[in-house]
Amino acid sequence: MSSMTDAEIDQLPYRKGVGIVLLNGRDEVFVAQRLDSPEPAWQMPQGGIDKGEEPLAAAWRELYEETGVKSAVLLEETADWLRYDLPREIVPHIWKGRYRGQKQKWFAFRFTGNDSEININGEHPEFSDWRWAELRRTPDLIVAFKRPLYEQVVKAFAHLVG
């Protein structure tokens, strides 16, 4: 599937996923550089929901798989599903061309461990580096097509940071 028409893309569903805002004790958020991007593409942990899996369970699983973190407490979740569309030219190449983008439930967690617990080199690493950043700055760090979604995430959780 090398190309798809706009009409074909518009008929595709959104892949269900989760996103995680992991806040440390200084109200900074975990961001990591994607391994598959040659350009700066820092993002918060996120991933798909497995068949039969609840969104919160998926968030805990993704948090551990992508960061190694288990020492965290749930603060809250977004009331609604947030969406982003993939750029049309890459739709045929991502997720076998089955989805137009993702709809995600976002969860805010407070990290209760220390930085030595963080391990981005798990079984299936997705990141090459990580750091703490200001939540309000995360839309400036993400790839352009996810920026509107990250602006919604910042708005949803801004009250949790000082």
N, C-alpha and C. Protein backbone atom coordinates (compact mmCIF):
# COMPACT_ATOMS: atom_id res chain seq x y z
N MET A 1 0.86 -1.18 0.00
CA MET A 1 0.00 0.00 0.00
C MET A 1 0.90 1.24 0.00
N SER A 2 1.18 1.76 -1.18
CA SER A 2 2.12 2.87 -1.25
C SER A 2 1.45 4.23 -1.20
N SER A 3 0.22 4.32 -1.69
CA SER A 3 -0.48 5.59 -1.59
C SER A 3 -1.95 5.34 -1.35
N MET A 4 -2.59 6.33 -0.74
CA MET A 4 -4.02 6.24 -0.46
C MET A 4 -4.64 7.57 -0.81
N THR A 5 -5.89 7.54 -1.22
CA THR A 5 -6.58 8.79 -1.51
C THR A 5 -7.04 9.43 -0.20
N ASP A 6 -7.32 10.72 -0.25
CA ASP A 6 -7.85 11.40 0.93
C ASP A 6 -9.14 10.74 1.40
N ALA A 7 -9.97 10.34 0.45
CA ALA A 7 -11.25 9.70 0.81
C ALA A 7 -11.00 8.38 1.55
N GLU A 8 -10.01 7.61 1.11
CA GLU A 8 -9.68 6.36 1.80
C GLU A 8 -9.17 6.63 3.22
N ILE A 9 -8.32 7.62 3.36
CA ILE A 9 -7.79 7.97 4.68
C ILE A 9 -8.91 8.44 5.60
N ASP A 10 -9.82 9.25 5.07
CA ASP A 10 -10.92 9.77 5.88
C ASP A 10 -11.83 8.66 6.41
N GLN A 11 -11.83 7.51 5.76
CA GLN A 11 -12.66 6.38 6.20
C GLN A 11 -11.99 5.55 7.29
N LEU A 12 -10.70 5.75 7.49
CA LEU A 12 -9.96 4.94 8.47
C LEU A 12 -10.32 5.34 9.90
N PRO A 13 -10.30 4.37 10.81
CA PRO A 13 -10.55 4.70 12.22
C PRO A 13 -9.29 5.25 12.88
N TYR A 14 -9.46 5.71 14.13
CA TYR A 14 -8.33 6.12 14.96
C TYR A 14 -7.89 4.93 15.80
N ARG A 15 -6.60 4.76 15.95
CA ARG A 15 -6.05 3.72 16.83
C ARG A 15 -6.21 4.20 18.27
N LYS A 16 -6.70 3.33 19.15
CA LYS A 16 -6.85 3.69 20.56
C LYS A 16 -5.52 3.59 21.26
N GLY A 17 -5.20 4.64 22.05
CA GLY A 17 -3.94 4.64 22.77
C GLY A 17 -4.04 5.43 24.05
N VAL A 18 -2.92 5.48 24.73
CA VAL A 18 -2.80 6.24 25.97
C VAL A 18 -1.56 7.12 25.91
N GLY A 19 -1.58 8.18 26.71
CA GLY A 19 -0.42 9.03 26.87
C GLY A 19 -0.21 9.28 28.35
N ILE A 20 1.05 9.52 28.73
CA ILE A 20 1.39 9.66 30.13
C ILE A 20 2.17 10.93 30.39
N VAL A 21 1.65 11.74 31.31
CA VAL A 21 2.37 12.90 31.84
C VAL A 21 2.95 12.44 33.17
N LEU A 22 4.26 12.24 33.21
CA LEU A 22 4.94 11.80 34.44
C LEU A 22 5.64 13.00 35.05
N LEU A 23 5.11 13.46 36.18
CA LEU A 23 5.64 14.65 36.85
C LEU A 23 6.56 14.25 38.00
N ASN A 24 7.70 14.94 38.08
CA ASN A 24 8.59 14.70 39.21
C ASN A 24 8.22 15.65 40.35
N GLY A 25 9.00 15.62 41.42
CA GLY A 25 8.72 16.45 42.59
C GLY A 25 8.90 17.94 42.35
N ARG A 26 9.54 18.30 41.25
CA ARG A 26 9.73 19.72 40.90
C ARG A 26 8.72 20.16 39.85
N ASP A 27 7.68 19.35 39.65
CA ASP A 27 6.64 19.63 38.65
C ASP A 27 7.17 19.68 37.22
N GLU A 28 8.24 18.94 36.97
CA GLU A 28 8.74 18.82 35.61
C GLU A 28 8.22 17.50 35.03
N VAL A 29 8.11 17.43 33.72
CA VAL A 29 7.54 16.27 33.06
C VAL A 29 8.64 15.50 32.31
N PHE A 30 8.51 14.18 32.31
CA PHE A 30 9.43 13.30 31.59
C PHE A 30 9.19 13.43 30.10
N VAL A 31 10.25 13.68 29.34
CA VAL A 31 10.19 13.64 27.87
C VAL A 31 11.39 12.84 27.38
N ALA A 32 11.22 12.20 26.23
CA ALA A 32 12.30 11.39 25.68
C ALA A 32 12.37 11.57 24.17
N GLN A 33 13.58 11.43 23.66
CA GLN A 33 13.85 11.57 22.22
C GLN A 33 13.58 10.24 21.53
N ARG A 34 12.74 10.26 20.51
CA ARG A 34 12.42 9.03 19.77
C ARG A 34 13.65 8.48 19.06
N LEU A 35 13.84 7.17 19.16
CA LEU A 35 14.94 6.49 18.49
C LEU A 35 14.82 6.55 16.97
N ASP A 36 13.57 6.52 16.46
CA ASP A 36 13.35 6.43 15.01
C ASP A 36 13.31 7.79 14.31
N SER A 37 13.69 8.84 15.02
CA SER A 37 13.66 10.17 14.40
C SER A 37 15.06 10.78 14.36
N PRO A 38 15.55 11.11 13.16
CA PRO A 38 16.86 11.75 13.06
C PRO A 38 16.82 13.20 13.57
N GLU A 39 15.64 13.79 13.56
CA GLU A 39 15.47 15.17 14.03
C GLU A 39 15.02 15.15 15.48
N PRO A 40 15.14 16.29 16.17
CA PRO A 40 14.63 16.34 17.54
C PRO A 40 13.13 16.03 17.57
N ALA A 41 12.77 15.01 18.31
CA ALA A 41 11.36 14.60 18.43
C ALA A 41 11.16 14.08 19.85
N TRP A 42 11.06 15.01 20.77
CA TRP A 42 10.89 14.66 22.18
C TRP A 42 9.41 14.49 22.45
N GLN A 43 9.06 13.45 23.18
CA GLN A 43 7.66 13.21 23.49
C GLN A 43 7.53 12.60 24.88
N MET A 44 6.30 12.60 25.37
CA MET A 44 5.98 11.91 26.60
C MET A 44 5.65 10.47 26.25
N PRO A 45 5.73 9.55 27.22
CA PRO A 45 5.42 8.15 26.92
C PRO A 45 3.98 8.01 26.40
N GLN A 46 3.82 7.16 25.41
CA GLN A 46 2.49 6.90 24.87
C GLN A 46 2.54 5.61 24.09
N GLY A 47 1.37 5.00 23.90
CA GLY A 47 1.33 3.75 23.15
C GLY A 47 -0.08 3.24 23.01
N GLY A 48 -0.21 2.15 22.30
CA GLY A 48 -1.50 1.58 22.00
C GLY A 48 -2.11 0.79 23.15
N ILE A 49 -3.42 0.65 23.08
CA ILE A 49 -4.16 -0.16 24.05
C ILE A 49 -4.34 -1.54 23.44
N ASP A 50 -3.93 -2.58 24.16
CA ASP A 50 -4.09 -3.95 23.68
C ASP A 50 -5.55 -4.37 23.73
N LYS A 51 -5.90 -5.34 22.90
CA LYS A 51 -7.28 -5.86 22.86
C LYS A 51 -7.69 -6.32 24.26
N GLY A 52 -8.85 -5.82 24.71
CA GLY A 52 -9.37 -6.20 26.02
C GLY A 52 -8.74 -5.47 27.20
N GLU A 53 -7.80 -4.57 26.93
CA GLU A 53 -7.09 -3.85 28.00
C GLU A 53 -7.82 -2.54 28.32
N GLU A 54 -7.91 -2.22 29.59
CA GLU A 54 -8.48 -0.94 30.01
C GLU A 54 -7.44 0.16 29.81
N PRO A 55 -7.88 1.40 29.52
CA PRO A 55 -6.91 2.48 29.30
C PRO A 55 -5.93 2.68 30.46
N LEU A 56 -6.41 2.65 31.70
CA LEU A 56 -5.49 2.86 32.82
C LEU A 56 -4.44 1.74 32.90
N ALA A 57 -4.86 0.50 32.68
CA ALA A 57 -3.91 -0.62 32.67
C ALA A 57 -2.87 -0.42 31.56
N ALA A 58 -3.32 0.06 30.40
CA ALA A 58 -2.41 0.33 29.29
C ALA A 58 -1.42 1.43 29.66
N ALA A 59 -1.90 2.44 30.37
CA ALA A 59 -1.01 3.54 30.79
C ALA A 59 0.08 3.03 31.72
N TRP A 60 -0.29 2.22 32.71
CA TRP A 60 0.72 1.65 33.61
C TRP A 60 1.72 0.79 32.85
N ARG A 61 1.22 -0.02 31.91
CA ARG A 61 2.10 -0.89 31.12
C ARG A 61 3.06 -0.07 30.26
N GLU A 62 2.51 0.91 29.55
CA GLU A 62 3.36 1.74 28.70
C GLU A 62 4.39 2.53 29.53
N LEU A 63 3.96 3.03 30.67
CA LEU A 63 4.88 3.76 31.54
C LEU A 63 6.07 2.88 31.89
N TYR A 64 5.79 1.65 32.29
CA TYR A 64 6.89 0.75 32.66
C TYR A 64 7.72 0.34 31.45
N GLU A 65 7.06 -0.02 30.34
CA GLU A 65 7.80 -0.47 29.16
C GLU A 65 8.73 0.60 28.62
N GLU A 66 8.28 1.85 28.63
CA GLU A 66 9.05 2.92 28.00
C GLU A 66 10.01 3.63 28.93
N THR A 67 9.76 3.56 30.25
CA THR A 67 10.60 4.31 31.20
C THR A 67 11.20 3.46 32.31
N GLY A 68 10.69 2.24 32.52
CA GLY A 68 11.12 1.42 33.63
C GLY A 68 10.50 1.82 34.96
N VAL A 69 9.65 2.84 34.95
CA VAL A 69 9.10 3.40 36.19
C VAL A 69 7.93 2.57 36.72
N LYS A 70 8.02 2.23 38.00
CA LYS A 70 6.91 1.62 38.74
C LYS A 70 6.50 2.49 39.92
N SER A 71 7.42 3.36 40.36
CA SER A 71 7.17 4.22 41.52
C SER A 71 6.42 5.48 41.09
N ALA A 72 5.12 5.37 41.03
CA ALA A 72 4.29 6.51 40.61
C ALA A 72 2.90 6.35 41.19
N VAL A 73 2.22 7.47 41.33
CA VAL A 73 0.83 7.46 41.76
C VAL A 73 0.00 8.21 40.72
N LEU A 74 -1.19 7.70 40.47
CA LEU A 74 -2.10 8.32 39.51
C LEU A 74 -2.66 9.61 40.11
N LEU A 75 -2.59 10.68 39.35
CA LEU A 75 -3.18 11.95 39.77
C LEU A 75 -4.57 12.14 39.16
N GLU A 76 -4.65 12.02 37.84
CA GLU A 76 -5.94 12.13 37.16
C GLU A 76 -5.81 11.74 35.70
N GLU A 77 -6.97 11.71 35.01
CA GLU A 77 -6.98 11.39 33.59
C GLU A 77 -7.84 12.41 32.86
N THR A 78 -7.62 12.53 31.56
CA THR A 78 -8.44 13.44 30.77
C THR A 78 -9.86 12.90 30.72
N ALA A 79 -10.83 13.80 30.71
CA ALA A 79 -12.23 13.41 30.64
C ALA A 79 -12.56 12.82 29.28
N ASP A 80 -11.94 13.35 28.24
CA ASP A 80 -12.23 12.95 26.87
C ASP A 80 -11.03 12.29 26.23
N TRP A 81 -11.29 11.62 25.11
CA TRP A 81 -10.24 11.09 24.25
C TRP A 81 -9.71 12.26 23.42
N LEU A 82 -8.40 12.38 23.33
CA LEU A 82 -7.76 13.42 22.52
C LEU A 82 -7.24 12.76 21.25
N ARG A 83 -7.34 13.47 20.13
CA ARG A 83 -6.98 12.87 18.84
C ARG A 83 -5.86 13.63 18.14
N TYR A 84 -5.12 12.89 17.34
CA TYR A 84 -4.25 13.52 16.35
C TYR A 84 -4.32 12.71 15.06
N ASP A 85 -4.19 13.43 13.94
CA ASP A 85 -4.14 12.81 12.63
C ASP A 85 -2.69 12.70 12.19
N LEU A 86 -2.34 11.59 11.60
CA LEU A 86 -1.02 11.45 10.99
C LEU A 86 -0.97 12.31 9.73
N PRO A 87 0.21 12.79 9.35
CA PRO A 87 0.32 13.44 8.03
C PRO A 87 -0.11 12.42 6.96
N ARG A 88 -0.92 12.85 6.02
CA ARG A 88 -1.51 11.93 5.05
C ARG A 88 -0.47 11.10 4.30
N GLU A 89 0.69 11.68 4.03
CA GLU A 89 1.68 10.94 3.26
C GLU A 89 2.29 9.76 4.03
N ILE A 90 2.19 9.75 5.34
CA ILE A 90 2.76 8.62 6.09
C ILE A 90 1.72 7.60 6.55
N VAL A 91 0.43 7.92 6.37
CA VAL A 91 -0.63 6.98 6.80
C VAL A 91 -0.40 5.57 6.25
N PRO A 92 -0.07 5.41 4.95
CA PRO A 92 0.10 4.04 4.43
C PRO A 92 1.27 3.28 5.07
N HIS A 93 2.19 3.99 5.71
CA HIS A 93 3.42 3.38 6.22
C HIS A 93 3.42 3.14 7.73
N ILE A 94 2.44 3.67 8.44
CA ILE A 94 2.37 3.53 9.89
C ILE A 94 1.21 2.60 10.23
N TRP A 95 1.42 1.68 11.14
CA TRP A 95 0.35 0.75 11.57
C TRP A 95 -0.29 0.04 10.37
N LYS A 96 0.55 -0.29 9.38
CA LYS A 96 0.11 -1.02 8.18
C LYS A 96 -1.03 -0.32 7.45
N GLY A 97 -1.11 1.00 7.58
CA GLY A 97 -2.12 1.77 6.86
C GLY A 97 -3.54 1.56 7.35
N ARG A 98 -3.69 1.05 8.58
CA ARG A 98 -5.04 0.74 9.09
C ARG A 98 -5.69 1.89 9.86
N TYR A 99 -4.91 2.93 10.20
CA TYR A 99 -5.44 4.02 11.03
C TYR A 99 -5.04 5.37 10.47
N ARG A 100 -5.91 6.35 10.67
CA ARG A 100 -5.64 7.72 10.22
C ARG A 100 -4.86 8.52 11.26
N GLY A 101 -4.84 8.02 12.49
CA GLY A 101 -4.17 8.70 13.59
C GLY A 101 -4.48 7.95 14.87
N GLN A 102 -4.41 8.66 15.98
CA GLN A 102 -4.67 8.03 17.27
C GLN A 102 -5.66 8.84 18.08
N LYS A 103 -6.48 8.14 18.84
CA LYS A 103 -7.27 8.81 19.88
C LYS A 103 -6.75 8.24 21.20
N GLN A 104 -6.42 9.15 22.10
CA GLN A 104 -5.73 8.75 23.31
C GLN A 104 -6.42 9.27 24.57
N LYS A 105 -6.38 8.45 25.59
CA LYS A 105 -6.73 8.86 26.95
C LYS A 105 -5.39 9.22 27.59
N TRP A 106 -5.32 10.39 28.21
CA TRP A 106 -4.08 10.84 28.85
C TRP A 106 -4.21 10.76 30.37
N PHE A 107 -3.12 10.33 31.00
CA PHE A 107 -3.07 10.15 32.45
C PHE A 107 -1.90 10.93 33.02
N ALA A 108 -2.13 11.60 34.14
CA ALA A 108 -1.04 12.28 34.85
C ALA A 108 -0.67 11.44 36.07
N PHE A 109 0.62 11.17 36.19
CA PHE A 109 1.17 10.43 37.33
C PHE A 109 2.21 11.30 38.03
N ARG A 110 2.35 11.09 39.33
CA ARG A 110 3.44 11.72 40.09
C ARG A 110 4.50 10.64 40.30
N PHE A 111 5.71 10.92 39.84
CA PHE A 111 6.84 10.00 40.02
C PHE A 111 7.31 10.09 41.46
N THR A 112 7.31 8.96 42.16
CA THR A 112 7.69 8.95 43.58
C THR A 112 9.06 8.32 43.81
N GLY A 113 9.69 7.87 42.74
CA GLY A 113 11.02 7.27 42.86
C GLY A 113 12.09 8.31 42.64
N ASN A 114 13.32 7.84 42.35
CA ASN A 114 14.37 8.79 41.96
C ASN A 114 14.84 8.45 40.56
N ASP A 115 15.58 9.38 39.98
CA ASP A 115 15.95 9.27 38.56
C ASP A 115 16.67 7.97 38.21
N SER A 116 17.33 7.35 39.17
CA SER A 116 18.05 6.10 38.88
C SER A 116 17.10 4.97 38.50
N GLU A 117 15.83 5.09 38.83
CA GLU A 117 14.84 4.08 38.45
C GLU A 117 14.52 4.12 36.96
N ILE A 118 14.72 5.26 36.34
CA ILE A 118 14.35 5.44 34.93
C ILE A 118 15.30 4.66 34.03
N ASN A 119 14.71 3.83 33.17
CA ASN A 119 15.49 3.01 32.25
C ASN A 119 14.77 2.99 30.91
N ILE A 120 15.33 3.69 29.93
CA ILE A 120 14.71 3.76 28.60
C ILE A 120 15.22 2.64 27.69
N ASN A 121 16.07 1.77 28.22
CA ASN A 121 16.64 0.69 27.41
C ASN A 121 16.01 -0.65 27.75
N GLY A 122 14.67 -0.68 27.75
CA GLY A 122 13.94 -1.91 28.07
C GLY A 122 13.99 -2.91 26.93
N GLU A 123 13.02 -3.84 26.95
CA GLU A 123 12.99 -4.92 25.98
C GLU A 123 12.83 -4.42 24.54
N HIS A 124 12.01 -3.39 24.36
CA HIS A 124 11.79 -2.80 23.03
C HIS A 124 11.97 -1.30 23.14
N PRO A 125 13.24 -0.84 23.20
CA PRO A 125 13.48 0.60 23.41
C PRO A 125 12.91 1.46 22.27
N GLU A 126 12.34 2.61 22.68
CA GLU A 126 11.80 3.56 21.71
C GLU A 126 12.53 4.89 21.76
N PHE A 127 13.37 5.08 22.78
CA PHE A 127 13.99 6.38 23.00
C PHE A 127 15.52 6.27 23.07
N SER A 128 16.19 7.34 22.67
CA SER A 128 17.65 7.39 22.73
C SER A 128 18.15 8.24 23.89
N ASP A 129 17.29 9.09 24.44
CA ASP A 129 17.69 9.98 25.52
C ASP A 129 16.42 10.45 26.23
N TRP A 130 16.58 10.96 27.45
CA TRP A 130 15.43 11.48 28.19
C TRP A 130 15.88 12.65 29.06
N ARG A 131 14.90 13.45 29.47
CA ARG A 131 15.18 14.56 30.38
C ARG A 131 13.88 15.04 31.00
N TRP A 132 13.99 15.93 31.97
CA TRP A 132 12.82 16.58 32.57
C TRP A 132 12.63 17.92 31.89
N ALA A 133 11.38 18.30 31.66
CA ALA A 133 11.08 19.56 30.97
C ALA A 133 9.86 20.20 31.62
N GLU A 134 9.65 21.46 31.30
CA GLU A 134 8.44 22.14 31.77
C GLU A 134 7.26 21.65 30.94
N LEU A 135 6.15 21.34 31.60
CA LEU A 135 4.96 20.86 30.90
C LEU A 135 4.54 21.83 29.80
N ARG A 136 4.54 23.12 30.12
CA ARG A 136 4.05 24.11 29.15
C ARG A 136 4.92 24.19 27.89
N ARG A 137 6.15 23.68 27.97
CA ARG A 137 7.07 23.72 26.83
C ARG A 137 6.97 22.48 25.94
N THR A 138 6.25 21.45 26.38
CA THR A 138 6.24 20.20 25.61
C THR A 138 5.69 20.33 24.19
N PRO A 139 4.70 21.19 23.92
CA PRO A 139 4.27 21.31 22.52
C PRO A 139 5.39 21.79 21.59
N ASP A 140 6.35 22.54 22.11
CA ASP A 140 7.46 23.03 21.29
C ASP A 140 8.48 21.92 20.99
N LEU A 141 8.43 20.82 21.75
CA LEU A 141 9.42 19.76 21.61
C LEU A 141 8.95 18.63 20.69
N ILE A 142 7.63 18.51 20.52
CA ILE A 142 7.04 17.38 19.81
C ILE A 142 7.03 17.62 18.30
N VAL A 143 6.90 16.54 17.53
CA VAL A 143 6.76 16.68 16.08
C VAL A 143 5.52 17.52 15.80
N ALA A 144 5.56 18.28 14.72
CA ALA A 144 4.53 19.28 14.44
C ALA A 144 3.11 18.71 14.41
N PHE A 145 2.91 17.51 13.84
CA PHE A 145 1.54 17.01 13.69
C PHE A 145 0.91 16.62 15.03
N LYS A 146 1.72 16.45 16.09
CA LYS A 146 1.16 16.14 17.41
C LYS A 146 1.03 17.39 18.29
N ARG A 147 1.48 18.54 17.81
CA ARG A 147 1.49 19.75 18.63
C ARG A 147 0.10 20.14 19.15
N PRO A 148 -0.97 20.14 18.31
CA PRO A 148 -2.29 20.51 18.85
C PRO A 148 -2.74 19.57 19.97
N LEU A 149 -2.44 18.28 19.85
CA LEU A 149 -2.79 17.33 20.91
C LEU A 149 -2.02 17.68 22.19
N TYR A 150 -0.74 17.97 22.07
CA TYR A 150 0.06 18.30 23.26
C TYR A 150 -0.42 19.61 23.90
N GLU A 151 -0.92 20.53 23.09
CA GLU A 151 -1.48 21.76 23.66
C GLU A 151 -2.72 21.44 24.50
N GLN A 152 -3.52 20.47 24.06
CA GLN A 152 -4.69 20.04 24.84
C GLN A 152 -4.25 19.35 26.14
N VAL A 153 -3.19 18.55 26.07
CA VAL A 153 -2.68 17.86 27.26
C VAL A 153 -2.18 18.88 28.29
N VAL A 154 -1.44 19.88 27.82
CA VAL A 154 -0.94 20.93 28.72
C VAL A 154 -2.12 21.63 29.39
N LYS A 155 -3.12 21.97 28.62
CA LYS A 155 -4.29 22.66 29.17
C LYS A 155 -5.01 21.78 30.20
N ALA A 156 -5.12 20.50 29.90
CA ALA A 156 -5.84 19.57 30.79
C ALA A 156 -5.14 19.41 32.14
N PHE A 157 -3.80 19.46 32.14
CA PHE A 157 -3.06 19.15 33.37
C PHE A 157 -2.27 20.34 33.94
N ALA A 158 -2.44 21.52 33.37
CA ALA A 158 -1.67 22.71 33.82
C ALA A 158 -1.88 22.99 35.31
N HIS A 159 -3.07 22.72 35.82
CA HIS A 159 -3.36 23.00 37.23
C HIS A 159 -2.56 22.10 38.19
N LEU A 160 -1.92 21.04 37.67
CA LEU A 160 -1.16 20.13 38.53
C LEU A 160 0.26 20.62 38.78
N VAL A 161 0.71 21.59 38.01
CA VAL A 161 2.09 22.09 38.18
C VAL A 161 2.06 23.50 38.78
N GLY A 162 3.09 23.78 39.57
CA GLY A 162 3.15 25.07 40.28
C GLY A 162 3.49 26.24 39.40
